[in-house]
Amino acid sequence: MKSFNYRLNTLIITILISCAVTAQNPKDISRKSADAIALGSMEMITTLKIMDAKGNTRSRTLNMASKKFGDVTKMMMKFTDPADVKGTSILIFDYEDRPDEMWIYMPALKKTRRVVSNEKGKNFMGSEFTNADMSKPNIDDFDYKIISSENINGKACHVIEATPVSTEAAQSNGFSKKVSYIDKDNFLCYKIEYYDLKNKLLKTQIIGDYRPVEGGNYFYYEMEMKNEQNGRKSVLKTDKFKAQSQMSEAQFSSSNLDK
């Protein structure tokens, strides 16, 4: 009987540990974090501030809209100010199960071109954000592990390391790994550290001013990216936000970027 009870207790403990590990699966946590701020339809006006190491600042204003059609979320961005970037437009097709697609229209060239995969890690409009930062990350591009737990602004967070599954994925995203600090309760991400291809800390991203929106999700009204190697910093701040877009699917077209 003692032997049976011992085996039974061991089995119960094993099951409980297995369930705990499943509940703490770092890939699932990362997916929930991405889904926590997923919005199928929105329109907003955003200010992009670009600061050099001396604190000199340039500001750019852009209108953004996104809407979900089937398994793809389509996003349109149009710069409205200042004059040197006015009319620059970007279109992103963010797919659920395959790499996203991106197009950019440059008024000076009067030409729309497609952004290829090896350009996704390049700077977005001269800022410290990258083209890849403008769309939802592909969860399957990375391997994940929980490396610790920390408090961020009084919130208990999982600290999750994500490494690209291939050299191609690393080069496309422009980093060798990223470390995310994700709230254990609501899965909101407050900070991400990016390491360059030589495994040195490259950038620190701070995400804040989360506000609830329709459907139980959240949206961040401010996001900062600091380059730890050159001292430059960029900030995206939402000035106006509407949780529904009136744009039709036809308007989310590369042929519409110059309009």
C-alpha atoms as a PDB file:
ATOM      1  CA  MET A   1       0.000   0.000   0.000  1.00  0.00           C
ATOM      2  CA  LYS A   2       2.793   2.436   0.880  1.00  0.00           C
ATOM      3  CA  SER A   3       4.440   1.651  -2.434  1.00  0.00           C
ATOM      4  CA  PHE A   4       1.179   2.305  -4.282  1.00  0.00           C
ATOM      5  CA  ASN A   5       0.596   5.597  -2.437  1.00  0.00           C
ATOM      6  CA  TYR A   6       4.167   6.686  -3.216  1.00  0.00           C
ATOM      7  CA  ARG A   7       3.698   5.970  -6.909  1.00  0.00           C
ATOM      8  CA  LEU A   8       0.327   7.738  -6.899  1.00  0.00           C
ATOM      9  CA  ASN A   9       1.766  10.831  -5.209  1.00  0.00           C
ATOM     10  CA  THR A  10       4.677  10.848  -7.646  1.00  0.00           C
ATOM     11  CA  LEU A  11       2.255  10.655 -10.574  1.00  0.00           C
ATOM     12  CA  ILE A  12       0.159  13.525  -9.212  1.00  0.00           C
ATOM     13  CA  ILE A  13       3.245  15.695  -8.690  1.00  0.00           C
ATOM     14  CA  THR A  14       4.461  14.909 -12.208  1.00  0.00           C
ATOM     15  CA  ILE A  15       1.082  15.886 -13.669  1.00  0.00           C
ATOM     16  CA  LEU A  16       1.008  19.126 -11.671  1.00  0.00           C
ATOM     17  CA  ILE A  17       4.529  20.042 -12.775  1.00  0.00           C
ATOM     18  CA  SER A  18       3.621  19.254 -16.371  1.00  0.00           C
ATOM     19  CA  CYS A  19       0.543  21.472 -16.160  1.00  0.00           C
ATOM     20  CA  ALA A  20       2.581  24.274 -14.600  1.00  0.00           C
ATOM     21  CA  VAL A  21       5.167  24.078 -17.366  1.00  0.00           C
ATOM     22  CA  THR A  22       2.407  24.143 -19.983  1.00  0.00           C
ATOM     23  CA  ALA A  23       0.816  27.175 -18.319  1.00  0.00           C
ATOM     24  CA  GLN A  24       4.190  28.946 -18.375  1.00  0.00           C
ATOM     25  CA  ASN A  25       5.030  28.089 -21.980  1.00  0.00           C
ATOM     26  CA  PRO A  26       7.082  31.089 -23.152  1.00  0.00           C
ATOM     27  CA  LYS A  27       5.832  30.887 -26.740  1.00  0.00           C
ATOM     28  CA  ASP A  28       2.213  30.920 -25.570  1.00  0.00           C
ATOM     29  CA  ILE A  29       2.964  33.875 -23.288  1.00  0.00           C
ATOM     30  CA  SER A  30       4.547  35.745 -26.206  1.00  0.00           C
ATOM     31  CA  ARG A  31       1.564  34.977 -28.417  1.00  0.00           C
ATOM     32  CA  LYS A  32      -0.866  36.216 -25.746  1.00  0.00           C
ATOM     33  CA  SER A  33       1.230  39.363 -25.393  1.00  0.00           C
ATOM     34  CA  ALA A  34       1.000  40.047 -29.130  1.00  0.00           C
ATOM     35  CA  ASP A  35      -2.743  39.328 -29.105  1.00  0.00           C
ATOM     36  CA  ALA A  36      -3.335  41.612 -26.096  1.00  0.00           C
ATOM     37  CA  ILE A  37      -2.756  44.655 -28.298  1.00  0.00           C
ATOM     38  CA  ALA A  38      -4.097  43.216 -31.560  1.00  0.00           C
ATOM     39  CA  LEU A  39      -6.634  45.546 -33.135  1.00  0.00           C
ATOM     40  CA  GLY A  40      -8.645  44.627 -36.185  1.00  0.00           C
ATOM     41  CA  SER A  41      -9.810  48.147 -36.975  1.00  0.00           C
ATOM     42  CA  MET A  42      -8.481  51.565 -35.949  1.00  0.00           C
ATOM     43  CA  GLU A  43      -7.546  55.054 -37.113  1.00  0.00           C
ATOM     44  CA  MET A  44      -5.124  57.411 -35.382  1.00  0.00           C
ATOM     45  CA  ILE A  45      -2.883  60.444 -35.682  1.00  0.00           C
ATOM     46  CA  THR A  46       0.644  59.888 -34.396  1.00  0.00           C
ATOM     47  CA  THR A  47       3.723  62.034 -33.788  1.00  0.00           C
ATOM     48  CA  LEU A  48       7.159  60.545 -34.389  1.00  0.00           C
ATOM     49  CA  LYS A  49       9.983  62.375 -32.600  1.00  0.00           C
ATOM     50  CA  ILE A  50      13.562  61.603 -33.619  1.00  0.00           C
ATOM     51  CA  MET A  51      16.317  62.750 -31.236  1.00  0.00           C
ATOM     52  CA  ASP A  52      20.057  62.619 -31.807  1.00  0.00           C
ATOM     53  CA  ALA A  53      22.655  62.026 -29.086  1.00  0.00           C
ATOM     54  CA  LYS A  54      22.802  65.786 -28.349  1.00  0.00           C
ATOM     55  CA  GLY A  55      19.050  66.065 -27.867  1.00  0.00           C
ATOM     56  CA  ASN A  56      18.271  67.790 -31.159  1.00  0.00           C
ATOM     57  CA  THR A  57      14.747  66.784 -32.162  1.00  0.00           C
ATOM     58  CA  ARG A  58      12.873  66.367 -35.436  1.00  0.00           C
ATOM     59  CA  SER A  59       9.118  65.756 -35.418  1.00  0.00           C
ATOM     60  CA  ARG A  60       6.986  64.016 -38.018  1.00  0.00           C
ATOM     61  CA  THR A  61       3.221  63.597 -38.094  1.00  0.00           C
ATOM     62  CA  LEU A  62       1.437  60.680 -39.709  1.00  0.00           C
ATOM     63  CA  ASN A  63      -2.068  59.339 -40.111  1.00  0.00           C
ATOM     64  CA  MET A  64      -2.487  55.614 -39.593  1.00  0.00           C
ATOM     65  CA  ALA A  65      -5.377  53.248 -40.260  1.00  0.00           C
ATOM     66  CA  SER A  66      -5.717  49.483 -40.036  1.00  0.00           C
ATOM     67  CA  LYS A  67      -8.468  46.963 -40.647  1.00  0.00           C
ATOM     68  CA  LYS A  68      -8.686  43.179 -40.677  1.00  0.00           C
ATOM     69  CA  PHE A  69      -9.895  41.334 -43.766  1.00  0.00           C
ATOM     70  CA  GLY A  70     -10.013  37.561 -43.326  1.00  0.00           C
ATOM     71  CA  ASP A  71      -6.596  36.355 -42.141  1.00  0.00           C
ATOM     72  CA  VAL A  72      -4.749  39.592 -42.955  1.00  0.00           C
ATOM     73  CA  THR A  73      -4.611  42.926 -41.131  1.00  0.00           C
ATOM     74  CA  LYS A  74      -3.947  45.770 -43.552  1.00  0.00           C
ATOM     75  CA  MET A  75      -2.312  49.000 -42.354  1.00  0.00           C
ATOM     76  CA  MET A  76      -1.883  52.303 -44.180  1.00  0.00           C
ATOM     77  CA  MET A  77       0.438  55.081 -42.963  1.00  0.00           C
ATOM     78  CA  LYS A  78       0.648  58.535 -44.550  1.00  0.00           C
ATOM     79  CA  PHE A  79       3.057  61.263 -43.428  1.00  0.00           C
ATOM     80  CA  THR A  80       1.463  64.730 -43.358  1.00  0.00           C
ATOM     81  CA  ASP A  81       4.214  66.912 -41.859  1.00  0.00           C
ATOM     82  CA  PRO A  82       6.868  68.352 -42.292  1.00  0.00           C
ATOM     83  CA  ALA A  83       7.142  69.201 -45.974  1.00  0.00           C
ATOM     84  CA  ASP A  84      10.201  67.031 -46.669  1.00  0.00           C
ATOM     85  CA  VAL A  85       8.302  63.822 -45.807  1.00  0.00           C
ATOM     86  CA  LYS A  86       4.733  64.889 -46.593  1.00  0.00           C
ATOM     87  CA  GLY A  87       3.056  62.393 -48.902  1.00  0.00           C
ATOM     88  CA  THR A  88       5.350  59.502 -48.003  1.00  0.00           C
ATOM     89  CA  SER A  89       3.045  56.511 -47.584  1.00  0.00           C
ATOM     90  CA  ILE A  90       3.484  52.949 -46.354  1.00  0.00           C
ATOM     91  CA  LEU A  91       1.221  49.925 -46.752  1.00  0.00           C
ATOM     92  CA  ILE A  92       1.595  46.741 -44.690  1.00  0.00           C
ATOM     93  CA  PHE A  93      -0.205  43.426 -45.099  1.00  0.00           C
ATOM     94  CA  ASP A  94       0.225  41.591 -41.778  1.00  0.00           C
ATOM     95  CA  TYR A  95      -0.651  37.907 -42.286  1.00  0.00           C
ATOM     96  CA  GLU A  96      -1.378  35.421 -39.517  1.00  0.00           C
ATOM     97  CA  ASP A  97       0.537  32.481 -40.990  1.00  0.00           C
ATOM     98  CA  ARG A  98       3.146  33.867 -43.388  1.00  0.00           C
ATOM     99  CA  PRO A  99       5.612  36.767 -43.685  1.00  0.00           C
ATOM    100  CA  ASP A 100       4.108  40.221 -43.938  1.00  0.00           C
ATOM    101  CA  GLU A 101       4.318  42.369 -47.056  1.00  0.00           C
ATOM    102  CA  MET A 102       5.262  46.057 -47.181  1.00  0.00           C
ATOM    103  CA  TRP A 103       5.221  48.804 -49.818  1.00  0.00           C
ATOM    104  CA  ILE A 104       6.444  52.409 -49.637  1.00  0.00           C
ATOM    105  CA  TYR A 105       5.657  55.416 -51.819  1.00  0.00           C
ATOM    106  CA  MET A 106       8.242  58.222 -52.034  1.00  0.00           C
ATOM    107  CA  PRO A 107       6.794  61.474 -53.475  1.00  0.00           C
ATOM    108  CA  ALA A 108      10.200  62.729 -54.638  1.00  0.00           C
ATOM    109  CA  LEU A 109      10.558  59.660 -56.857  1.00  0.00           C
ATOM    110  CA  LYS A 110       6.851  59.393 -57.649  1.00  0.00           C
ATOM    111  CA  LYS A 111       7.256  55.666 -57.339  1.00  0.00           C
ATOM    112  CA  THR A 112       5.921  52.839 -55.177  1.00  0.00           C
ATOM    113  CA  ARG A 113       8.283  49.998 -54.370  1.00  0.00           C
ATOM    114  CA  ARG A 114       8.007  46.821 -52.351  1.00  0.00           C
ATOM    115  CA  VAL A 115      10.154  46.488 -49.221  1.00  0.00           C
ATOM    116  CA  VAL A 116      11.986  43.154 -49.419  1.00  0.00           C
ATOM    117  CA  SER A 117      12.582  40.895 -46.416  1.00  0.00           C
ATOM    118  CA  ASN A 118      16.222  41.895 -45.859  1.00  0.00           C
ATOM    119  CA  GLU A 119      15.102  45.529 -45.438  1.00  0.00           C
ATOM    120  CA  LYS A 120      12.744  44.777 -42.545  1.00  0.00           C
ATOM    121  CA  GLY A 121      15.536  45.363 -40.011  1.00  0.00           C
ATOM    122  CA  LYS A 122      16.439  48.779 -41.454  1.00  0.00           C
ATOM    123  CA  ASN A 123      15.498  52.060 -39.778  1.00  0.00           C
ATOM    124  CA  PHE A 124      11.946  53.291 -40.252  1.00  0.00           C
ATOM    125  CA  MET A 125      11.961  56.793 -41.790  1.00  0.00           C
ATOM    126  CA  GLY A 126      15.297  57.707 -40.190  1.00  0.00           C
ATOM    127  CA  SER A 127      14.172  56.754 -36.669  1.00  0.00           C
ATOM    128  CA  GLU A 128      15.484  54.129 -34.247  1.00  0.00           C
ATOM    129  CA  PHE A 129      12.422  51.993 -34.965  1.00  0.00           C
ATOM    130  CA  THR A 130      12.754  49.466 -37.772  1.00  0.00           C
ATOM    131  CA  ASN A 131      10.394  48.567 -40.583  1.00  0.00           C
ATOM    132  CA  ALA A 132       9.714  45.298 -38.727  1.00  0.00           C
ATOM    133  CA  ASP A 133       8.565  47.256 -35.647  1.00  0.00           C
ATOM    134  CA  MET A 134       5.632  48.600 -37.649  1.00  0.00           C
ATOM    135  CA  SER A 135       3.890  45.227 -37.856  1.00  0.00           C
ATOM    136  CA  LYS A 136       3.020  42.363 -35.545  1.00  0.00           C
ATOM    137  CA  PRO A 137       5.951  39.947 -35.061  1.00  0.00           C
ATOM    138  CA  ASN A 138       5.728  36.467 -36.544  1.00  0.00           C
ATOM    139  CA  ILE A 139       5.738  34.279 -33.431  1.00  0.00           C
ATOM    140  CA  ASP A 140       7.066  31.259 -35.334  1.00  0.00           C
ATOM    141  CA  ASP A 141      10.222  33.154 -36.370  1.00  0.00           C
ATOM    142  CA  PHE A 142      11.643  32.695 -32.858  1.00  0.00           C
ATOM    143  CA  ASP A 143      12.492  30.149 -30.180  1.00  0.00           C
ATOM    144  CA  TYR A 144      11.524  31.189 -26.649  1.00  0.00           C
ATOM    145  CA  LYS A 145      12.581  30.577 -23.075  1.00  0.00           C
ATOM    146  CA  ILE A 146      11.744  32.138 -19.719  1.00  0.00           C
ATOM    147  CA  ILE A 147      14.983  33.376 -18.169  1.00  0.00           C
ATOM    148  CA  SER A 148      13.699  35.102 -15.007  1.00  0.00           C
ATOM    149  CA  SER A 149      10.977  37.149 -13.356  1.00  0.00           C
ATOM    150  CA  GLU A 150      11.247  40.871 -12.599  1.00  0.00           C
ATOM    151  CA  ASN A 151       9.092  43.783 -11.499  1.00  0.00           C
ATOM    152  CA  ILE A 152       8.523  46.643 -13.945  1.00  0.00           C
ATOM    153  CA  ASN A 153       6.759  49.663 -12.426  1.00  0.00           C
ATOM    154  CA  GLY A 154       5.393  47.442  -9.668  1.00  0.00           C
ATOM    155  CA  LYS A 155       4.132  44.797 -12.106  1.00  0.00           C
ATOM    156  CA  ALA A 156       5.363  41.189 -11.863  1.00  0.00           C
ATOM    157  CA  CYS A 157       6.713  40.226 -15.277  1.00  0.00           C
ATOM    158  CA  HIS A 158       7.964  37.176 -17.117  1.00  0.00           C
ATOM    159  CA  VAL A 159      11.361  37.857 -18.683  1.00  0.00           C
ATOM    160  CA  ILE A 160      11.393  35.955 -21.971  1.00  0.00           C
ATOM    161  CA  GLU A 161      14.300  35.567 -24.365  1.00  0.00           C
ATOM    162  CA  ALA A 162      13.454  35.085 -28.042  1.00  0.00           C
ATOM    163  CA  THR A 163      16.098  34.029 -30.562  1.00  0.00           C
ATOM    164  CA  PRO A 164      15.536  33.840 -34.336  1.00  0.00           C
ATOM    165  CA  VAL A 165      15.096  30.289 -35.625  1.00  0.00           C
ATOM    166  CA  SER A 166      17.437  30.905 -38.570  1.00  0.00           C
ATOM    167  CA  THR A 167      20.203  33.183 -39.819  1.00  0.00           C
ATOM    168  CA  GLU A 168      17.751  34.541 -42.372  1.00  0.00           C
ATOM    169  CA  ALA A 169      15.276  35.484 -39.632  1.00  0.00           C
ATOM    170  CA  ALA A 170      18.049  37.154 -37.603  1.00  0.00           C
ATOM    171  CA  GLN A 171      19.266  39.208 -40.552  1.00  0.00           C
ATOM    172  CA  SER A 172      15.735  40.121 -41.598  1.00  0.00           C
ATOM    173  CA  ASN A 173      14.841  41.382 -38.109  1.00  0.00           C
ATOM    174  CA  GLY A 174      18.266  42.916 -37.489  1.00  0.00           C
ATOM    175  CA  PHE A 175      19.005  41.325 -34.107  1.00  0.00           C
ATOM    176  CA  SER A 176      20.399  38.123 -32.596  1.00  0.00           C
ATOM    177  CA  LYS A 177      17.897  38.004 -29.731  1.00  0.00           C
ATOM    178  CA  LYS A 178      15.350  40.069 -27.862  1.00  0.00           C
ATOM    179  CA  VAL A 179      14.411  40.004 -24.189  1.00  0.00           C
ATOM    180  CA  SER A 180      10.811  40.950 -23.373  1.00  0.00           C
ATOM    181  CA  TYR A 181       9.295  41.905 -20.018  1.00  0.00           C
ATOM    182  CA  ILE A 182       5.668  40.719 -20.075  1.00  0.00           C
ATOM    183  CA  ASP A 183       3.069  41.298 -17.351  1.00  0.00           C
ATOM    184  CA  LYS A 184       2.084  38.004 -15.714  1.00  0.00           C
ATOM    185  CA  ASP A 185      -1.528  39.124 -15.278  1.00  0.00           C
ATOM    186  CA  ASN A 186      -2.591  40.854 -18.489  1.00  0.00           C
ATOM    187  CA  PHE A 187       0.319  39.909 -20.807  1.00  0.00           C
ATOM    188  CA  LEU A 188       1.138  43.526 -21.690  1.00  0.00           C
ATOM    189  CA  CYS A 189       4.761  44.045 -22.667  1.00  0.00           C
ATOM    190  CA  TYR A 190       6.515  46.957 -20.940  1.00  0.00           C
ATOM    191  CA  LYS A 191      10.094  46.653 -22.165  1.00  0.00           C
ATOM    192  CA  ILE A 192      12.117  44.881 -24.870  1.00  0.00           C
ATOM    193  CA  GLU A 193      15.908  44.704 -25.128  1.00  0.00           C
ATOM    194  CA  TYR A 194      17.378  44.007 -28.564  1.00  0.00           C
ATOM    195  CA  TYR A 195      20.856  42.560 -29.111  1.00  0.00           C
ATOM    196  CA  ASP A 196      22.791  43.078 -32.331  1.00  0.00           C
ATOM    197  CA  LEU A 197      24.185  40.298 -34.506  1.00  0.00           C
ATOM    198  CA  LYS A 198      27.348  40.327 -32.347  1.00  0.00           C
ATOM    199  CA  ASN A 199      25.160  39.721 -29.262  1.00  0.00           C
ATOM    200  CA  LYS A 200      25.764  43.191 -27.785  1.00  0.00           C
ATOM    201  CA  LEU A 201      22.894  45.263 -26.385  1.00  0.00           C
ATOM    202  CA  LEU A 202      21.694  47.439 -29.255  1.00  0.00           C
ATOM    203  CA  LYS A 203      18.366  49.030 -28.317  1.00  0.00           C
ATOM    204  CA  THR A 204      15.917  49.286 -25.439  1.00  0.00           C
ATOM    205  CA  GLN A 205      12.235  49.716 -26.181  1.00  0.00           C
ATOM    206  CA  ILE A 206       9.827  51.077 -23.564  1.00  0.00           C
ATOM    207  CA  ILE A 207       6.082  50.696 -24.146  1.00  0.00           C
ATOM    208  CA  GLY A 208       3.644  52.592 -21.961  1.00  0.00           C
ATOM    209  CA  ASP A 209       0.441  54.550 -21.460  1.00  0.00           C
ATOM    210  CA  TYR A 210      -1.678  51.481 -22.203  1.00  0.00           C
ATOM    211  CA  ARG A 211      -5.392  52.190 -22.450  1.00  0.00           C
ATOM    212  CA  PRO A 212      -8.282  49.713 -22.812  1.00  0.00           C
ATOM    213  CA  VAL A 213     -10.152  49.611 -26.111  1.00  0.00           C
ATOM    214  CA  GLU A 214     -13.164  47.744 -27.460  1.00  0.00           C
ATOM    215  CA  GLY A 215     -13.041  43.960 -27.325  1.00  0.00           C
ATOM    216  CA  GLY A 216     -11.043  43.717 -24.113  1.00  0.00           C
ATOM    217  CA  ASN A 217      -7.718  44.596 -25.739  1.00  0.00           C
ATOM    218  CA  TYR A 218      -5.315  47.441 -25.038  1.00  0.00           C
ATOM    219  CA  PHE A 219      -3.467  50.023 -27.082  1.00  0.00           C
ATOM    220  CA  TYR A 220      -0.224  51.768 -26.145  1.00  0.00           C
ATOM    221  CA  TYR A 221      -0.217  55.536 -26.605  1.00  0.00           C
ATOM    222  CA  GLU A 222       3.543  55.950 -26.264  1.00  0.00           C
ATOM    223  CA  MET A 223       6.509  53.867 -27.372  1.00  0.00           C
ATOM    224  CA  GLU A 224      10.190  54.782 -27.041  1.00  0.00           C
ATOM    225  CA  MET A 225      13.195  53.194 -28.718  1.00  0.00           C
ATOM    226  CA  LYS A 226      16.665  54.115 -27.449  1.00  0.00           C
ATOM    227  CA  ASN A 227      19.827  53.094 -29.271  1.00  0.00           C
ATOM    228  CA  GLU A 228      22.229  52.091 -26.490  1.00  0.00           C
ATOM    229  CA  GLN A 229      25.235  52.212 -28.834  1.00  0.00           C
ATOM    230  CA  ASN A 230      24.917  55.705 -30.322  1.00  0.00           C
ATOM    231  CA  GLY A 231      22.661  57.532 -27.844  1.00  0.00           C
ATOM    232  CA  ARG A 232      19.898  58.318 -30.337  1.00  0.00           C
ATOM    233  CA  LYS A 233      16.250  57.944 -29.364  1.00  0.00           C
ATOM    234  CA  SER A 234      12.866  57.936 -31.092  1.00  0.00           C
ATOM    235  CA  VAL A 235       9.380  58.250 -29.628  1.00  0.00           C
ATOM    236  CA  LEU A 236       6.005  57.388 -31.170  1.00  0.00           C
ATOM    237  CA  LYS A 237       3.123  59.134 -29.422  1.00  0.00           C
ATOM    238  CA  THR A 238      -0.545  58.749 -30.311  1.00  0.00           C
ATOM    239  CA  ASP A 239      -2.396  62.086 -30.391  1.00  0.00           C
ATOM    240  CA  LYS A 240      -5.836  60.884 -31.521  1.00  0.00           C
ATOM    241  CA  PHE A 241      -7.264  57.376 -31.589  1.00  0.00           C
ATOM    242  CA  LYS A 242     -10.474  55.843 -32.932  1.00  0.00           C
ATOM    243  CA  ALA A 243     -11.195  52.140 -32.507  1.00  0.00           C
ATOM    244  CA  GLN A 244     -12.961  51.710 -35.856  1.00  0.00           C
ATOM    245  CA  SER A 245     -11.867  52.461 -39.424  1.00  0.00           C
ATOM    246  CA  GLN A 246     -14.288  53.454 -42.181  1.00  0.00           C
ATOM    247  CA  MET A 247     -11.800  52.621 -44.938  1.00  0.00           C
ATOM    248  CA  SER A 248     -12.767  49.975 -47.480  1.00  0.00           C
ATOM    249  CA  GLU A 249     -10.503  47.099 -48.469  1.00  0.00           C
ATOM    250  CA  ALA A 250      -9.943  48.726 -51.873  1.00  0.00           C
ATOM    251  CA  GLN A 251      -8.370  51.732 -50.145  1.00  0.00           C
ATOM    252  CA  PHE A 252      -5.694  49.494 -48.608  1.00  0.00           C
ATOM    253  CA  SER A 253      -3.960  49.075 -51.953  1.00  0.00           C
ATOM    254  CA  SER A 254      -0.454  49.848 -53.206  1.00  0.00           C
ATOM    255  CA  SER A 255      -2.049  51.725 -56.112  1.00  0.00           C
ATOM    256  CA  ASN A 256      -3.642  54.054 -53.550  1.00  0.00           C
ATOM    257  CA  LEU A 257      -0.397  55.079 -51.825  1.00  0.00           C
ATOM    258  CA  ASP A 258       0.146  58.169 -53.970  1.00  0.00           C
ATOM    259  CA  LYS A 259      -3.350  59.569 -53.344  1.00  0.00           C
END
